[in-house]
């Protein structure tokens, strides 16, 4: 009888421990989401500043832009990497262009950088994609 009760209590302890761990993970995930919600508006404003710095010819301004990007990376803001073919989840087509030798939908040029905050797209990358091979008149 005591052994059975001890087994029951041990089982209950293990279940509650697992439940506590799951709740702690859920709370941490919610905290991260709240942090992202608070950071997102600031990051959107700073992205516009980075655009202006990227367009600058001044080496000092570009150096500051690189430092700012490094700081923002510590908080989870990153440039979206360019993909070989169009990805609607992270990119927006702003134009198409026929290109010999390129598959339809291939990314030809990035017009505006895209950014993500901890994996969530804040601004999609604006791209020009290939509309397929150029037709040669016969």
C-alpha atoms as a PDB file:
ATOM      1  CA  UNK A   1       0.000   0.000   0.000  1.00  0.00           C
ATOM      2  CA  UNK A   2       2.780   2.459   0.859  1.00  0.00           C
ATOM      3  CA  UNK A   3       4.739   1.434  -2.233  1.00  0.00           C
ATOM      4  CA  UNK A   4       1.665   1.986  -4.423  1.00  0.00           C
ATOM      5  CA  UNK A   5       1.057   5.424  -2.879  1.00  0.00           C
ATOM      6  CA  UNK A   6       4.744   6.312  -3.364  1.00  0.00           C
ATOM      7  CA  UNK A   7       4.496   5.301  -7.037  1.00  0.00           C
ATOM      8  CA  UNK A   8       1.381   7.464  -7.450  1.00  0.00           C
ATOM      9  CA  UNK A   9       3.054  10.459  -5.846  1.00  0.00           C
ATOM     10  CA  UNK A  10       6.203   9.959  -7.913  1.00  0.00           C
ATOM     11  CA  UNK A  11       4.107   9.829 -11.070  1.00  0.00           C
ATOM     12  CA  UNK A  12       2.201  12.961 -10.015  1.00  0.00           C
ATOM     13  CA  UNK A  13       5.484  14.746  -9.280  1.00  0.00           C
ATOM     14  CA  UNK A  14       6.879  13.858 -12.730  1.00  0.00           C
ATOM     15  CA  UNK A  15       3.712  15.027 -14.505  1.00  0.00           C
ATOM     16  CA  UNK A  16       3.696  18.327 -12.619  1.00  0.00           C
ATOM     17  CA  UNK A  17       7.380  18.832 -13.307  1.00  0.00           C
ATOM     18  CA  UNK A  18       6.792  18.314 -17.025  1.00  0.00           C
ATOM     19  CA  UNK A  19       3.788  20.632 -16.881  1.00  0.00           C
ATOM     20  CA  UNK A  20       5.838  23.317 -15.092  1.00  0.00           C
ATOM     21  CA  UNK A  21       8.566  23.069 -17.735  1.00  0.00           C
ATOM     22  CA  UNK A  22       6.003  23.376 -20.537  1.00  0.00           C
ATOM     23  CA  UNK A  23       4.444  26.408 -18.858  1.00  0.00           C
ATOM     24  CA  UNK A  24       7.864  28.018 -18.404  1.00  0.00           C
ATOM     25  CA  UNK A  25       8.597  27.524 -22.139  1.00  0.00           C
ATOM     26  CA  UNK A  26       5.200  29.010 -23.035  1.00  0.00           C
ATOM     27  CA  UNK A  27       5.799  32.045 -20.806  1.00  0.00           C
ATOM     28  CA  UNK A  28       9.242  32.567 -22.347  1.00  0.00           C
ATOM     29  CA  UNK A  29       7.774  32.358 -25.864  1.00  0.00           C
ATOM     30  CA  UNK A  30       5.136  34.935 -24.926  1.00  0.00           C
ATOM     31  CA  UNK A  31       7.819  37.223 -23.497  1.00  0.00           C
ATOM     32  CA  UNK A  32       9.758  36.979 -26.752  1.00  0.00           C
ATOM     33  CA  UNK A  33       6.623  37.836 -28.738  1.00  0.00           C
ATOM     34  CA  UNK A  34       5.945  40.867 -26.545  1.00  0.00           C
ATOM     35  CA  UNK A  35       9.555  42.003 -26.956  1.00  0.00           C
ATOM     36  CA  UNK A  36       9.209  41.677 -30.740  1.00  0.00           C
ATOM     37  CA  UNK A  37       5.958  43.655 -30.699  1.00  0.00           C
ATOM     38  CA  UNK A  38       7.648  46.455 -28.783  1.00  0.00           C
ATOM     39  CA  UNK A  39      10.772  46.413 -30.969  1.00  0.00           C
ATOM     40  CA  UNK A  40       9.018  46.217 -34.345  1.00  0.00           C
ATOM     41  CA  UNK A  41       7.914  49.888 -34.612  1.00  0.00           C
ATOM     42  CA  UNK A  42      11.384  51.130 -33.645  1.00  0.00           C
ATOM     43  CA  UNK A  43      13.016  48.728 -36.096  1.00  0.00           C
ATOM     44  CA  UNK A  44      10.724  49.896 -38.922  1.00  0.00           C
ATOM     45  CA  UNK A  45      11.853  53.483 -38.303  1.00  0.00           C
ATOM     46  CA  UNK A  46      15.517  52.469 -38.152  1.00  0.00           C
ATOM     47  CA  UNK A  47      15.148  50.507 -41.404  1.00  0.00           C
ATOM     48  CA  UNK A  48      14.193  53.767 -43.125  1.00  0.00           C
ATOM     49  CA  UNK A  49      17.324  55.350 -41.656  1.00  0.00           C
ATOM     50  CA  UNK A  50      19.417  52.422 -42.939  1.00  0.00           C
ATOM     51  CA  UNK A  51      17.926  52.983 -46.416  1.00  0.00           C
ATOM     52  CA  UNK A  52      19.124  56.593 -46.354  1.00  0.00           C
ATOM     53  CA  UNK A  53      22.559  55.559 -45.114  1.00  0.00           C
ATOM     54  CA  UNK A  54      22.839  52.864 -47.823  1.00  0.00           C
ATOM     55  CA  UNK A  55      22.087  55.511 -50.466  1.00  0.00           C
ATOM     56  CA  UNK A  56      24.781  57.798 -49.076  1.00  0.00           C
ATOM     57  CA  UNK A  57      28.128  58.236 -50.788  1.00  0.00           C
ATOM     58  CA  UNK A  58      29.773  59.184 -47.482  1.00  0.00           C
ATOM     59  CA  UNK A  59      32.115  56.512 -46.105  1.00  0.00           C
ATOM     60  CA  UNK A  60      31.568  57.687 -42.522  1.00  0.00           C
ATOM     61  CA  UNK A  61      27.789  57.395 -42.874  1.00  0.00           C
ATOM     62  CA  UNK A  62      28.145  53.896 -44.359  1.00  0.00           C
ATOM     63  CA  UNK A  63      30.401  52.909 -41.470  1.00  0.00           C
ATOM     64  CA  UNK A  64      27.773  54.114 -39.003  1.00  0.00           C
ATOM     65  CA  UNK A  65      25.142  52.149 -40.932  1.00  0.00           C
ATOM     66  CA  UNK A  66      27.181  48.963 -40.639  1.00  0.00           C
ATOM     67  CA  UNK A  67      27.586  49.512 -36.898  1.00  0.00           C
ATOM     68  CA  UNK A  68      23.873  50.199 -36.513  1.00  0.00           C
ATOM     69  CA  UNK A  69      23.051  46.961 -38.368  1.00  0.00           C
ATOM     70  CA  UNK A  70      25.392  45.029 -36.068  1.00  0.00           C
ATOM     71  CA  UNK A  71      23.682  46.501 -33.004  1.00  0.00           C
ATOM     72  CA  UNK A  72      20.218  45.721 -34.386  1.00  0.00           C
ATOM     73  CA  UNK A  73      21.324  42.166 -35.195  1.00  0.00           C
ATOM     74  CA  UNK A  74      21.837  41.629 -31.445  1.00  0.00           C
ATOM     75  CA  UNK A  75      18.106  42.279 -31.059  1.00  0.00           C
ATOM     76  CA  UNK A  76      17.151  39.959 -33.915  1.00  0.00           C
ATOM     77  CA  UNK A  77      16.873  42.370 -36.886  1.00  0.00           C
ATOM     78  CA  UNK A  78      18.527  41.024 -40.024  1.00  0.00           C
ATOM     79  CA  UNK A  79      18.547  41.726 -43.718  1.00  0.00           C
ATOM     80  CA  UNK A  80      16.637  39.170 -45.720  1.00  0.00           C
ATOM     81  CA  UNK A  81      19.099  37.237 -47.891  1.00  0.00           C
ATOM     82  CA  UNK A  82      18.527  37.293 -51.637  1.00  0.00           C
ATOM     83  CA  UNK A  83      17.206  34.021 -53.030  1.00  0.00           C
ATOM     84  CA  UNK A  84      17.881  32.766 -56.577  1.00  0.00           C
ATOM     85  CA  UNK A  85      14.169  32.566 -57.355  1.00  0.00           C
ATOM     86  CA  UNK A  86      11.249  34.662 -56.152  1.00  0.00           C
ATOM     87  CA  UNK A  87       9.886  33.762 -52.709  1.00  0.00           C
ATOM     88  CA  UNK A  88       6.534  35.471 -51.965  1.00  0.00           C
ATOM     89  CA  UNK A  89       6.981  34.933 -48.217  1.00  0.00           C
ATOM     90  CA  UNK A  90       9.941  37.321 -48.064  1.00  0.00           C
ATOM     91  CA  UNK A  91       9.909  39.254 -51.336  1.00  0.00           C
ATOM     92  CA  UNK A  92       7.670  41.602 -53.312  1.00  0.00           C
ATOM     93  CA  UNK A  93       7.965  41.896 -57.092  1.00  0.00           C
ATOM     94  CA  UNK A  94       8.188  45.533 -58.157  1.00  0.00           C
ATOM     95  CA  UNK A  95       9.007  44.847 -61.801  1.00  0.00           C
ATOM     96  CA  UNK A  96       9.677  42.096 -64.310  1.00  0.00           C
ATOM     97  CA  UNK A  97      12.242  42.011 -67.060  1.00  0.00           C
ATOM     98  CA  UNK A  98      12.857  39.539 -69.867  1.00  0.00           C
ATOM     99  CA  UNK A  99      16.310  38.012 -69.564  1.00  0.00           C
ATOM    100  CA  UNK A 100      17.876  35.517 -71.912  1.00  0.00           C
ATOM    101  CA  UNK A 101      19.067  32.436 -70.088  1.00  0.00           C
ATOM    102  CA  UNK A 102      17.163  33.196 -66.883  1.00  0.00           C
ATOM    103  CA  UNK A 103      14.286  31.074 -65.633  1.00  0.00           C
ATOM    104  CA  UNK A 104      10.972  32.796 -65.165  1.00  0.00           C
ATOM    105  CA  UNK A 105      10.773  34.042 -61.590  1.00  0.00           C
ATOM    106  CA  UNK A 106      14.536  34.281 -61.112  1.00  0.00           C
ATOM    107  CA  UNK A 107      15.548  37.270 -59.005  1.00  0.00           C
ATOM    108  CA  UNK A 108      17.540  39.628 -61.213  1.00  0.00           C
ATOM    109  CA  UNK A 109      17.973  42.602 -58.913  1.00  0.00           C
ATOM    110  CA  UNK A 110      17.180  43.764 -55.391  1.00  0.00           C
ATOM    111  CA  UNK A 111      15.649  47.250 -55.528  1.00  0.00           C
ATOM    112  CA  UNK A 112      15.076  47.643 -51.782  1.00  0.00           C
ATOM    113  CA  UNK A 113      16.466  45.533 -48.977  1.00  0.00           C
ATOM    114  CA  UNK A 114      14.069  43.522 -46.857  1.00  0.00           C
ATOM    115  CA  UNK A 115      14.333  42.975 -43.116  1.00  0.00           C
ATOM    116  CA  UNK A 116      13.102  40.398 -40.621  1.00  0.00           C
ATOM    117  CA  UNK A 117      12.884  40.621 -36.835  1.00  0.00           C
ATOM    118  CA  UNK A 118      13.524  37.243 -35.219  1.00  0.00           C
ATOM    119  CA  UNK A 119      12.244  35.470 -38.321  1.00  0.00           C
ATOM    120  CA  UNK A 120       9.152  37.645 -38.886  1.00  0.00           C
ATOM    121  CA  UNK A 121       9.251  39.803 -41.999  1.00  0.00           C
ATOM    122  CA  UNK A 122       9.033  43.504 -41.149  1.00  0.00           C
ATOM    123  CA  UNK A 123       9.550  44.637 -44.715  1.00  0.00           C
ATOM    124  CA  UNK A 124       9.780  42.299 -47.705  1.00  0.00           C
ATOM    125  CA  UNK A 125      12.659  42.581 -50.098  1.00  0.00           C
ATOM    126  CA  UNK A 126      11.622  44.468 -53.265  1.00  0.00           C
ATOM    127  CA  UNK A 127      12.928  42.659 -56.328  1.00  0.00           C
ATOM    128  CA  UNK A 128      12.937  42.629 -60.108  1.00  0.00           C
ATOM    129  CA  UNK A 129      12.344  39.134 -61.481  1.00  0.00           C
ATOM    130  CA  UNK A 130      12.812  37.513 -64.856  1.00  0.00           C
ATOM    131  CA  UNK A 131       9.653  37.243 -66.923  1.00  0.00           C
ATOM    132  CA  UNK A 132      11.105  34.383 -68.954  1.00  0.00           C
ATOM    133  CA  UNK A 133      13.391  34.233 -71.937  1.00  0.00           C
ATOM    134  CA  UNK A 134      13.251  37.106 -74.397  1.00  0.00           C
ATOM    135  CA  UNK A 135      11.389  36.144 -77.539  1.00  0.00           C
ATOM    136  CA  UNK A 136      13.433  36.632 -80.687  1.00  0.00           C
ATOM    137  CA  UNK A 137      11.255  37.698 -83.646  1.00  0.00           C
ATOM    138  CA  UNK A 138      11.532  35.391 -86.666  1.00  0.00           C
END
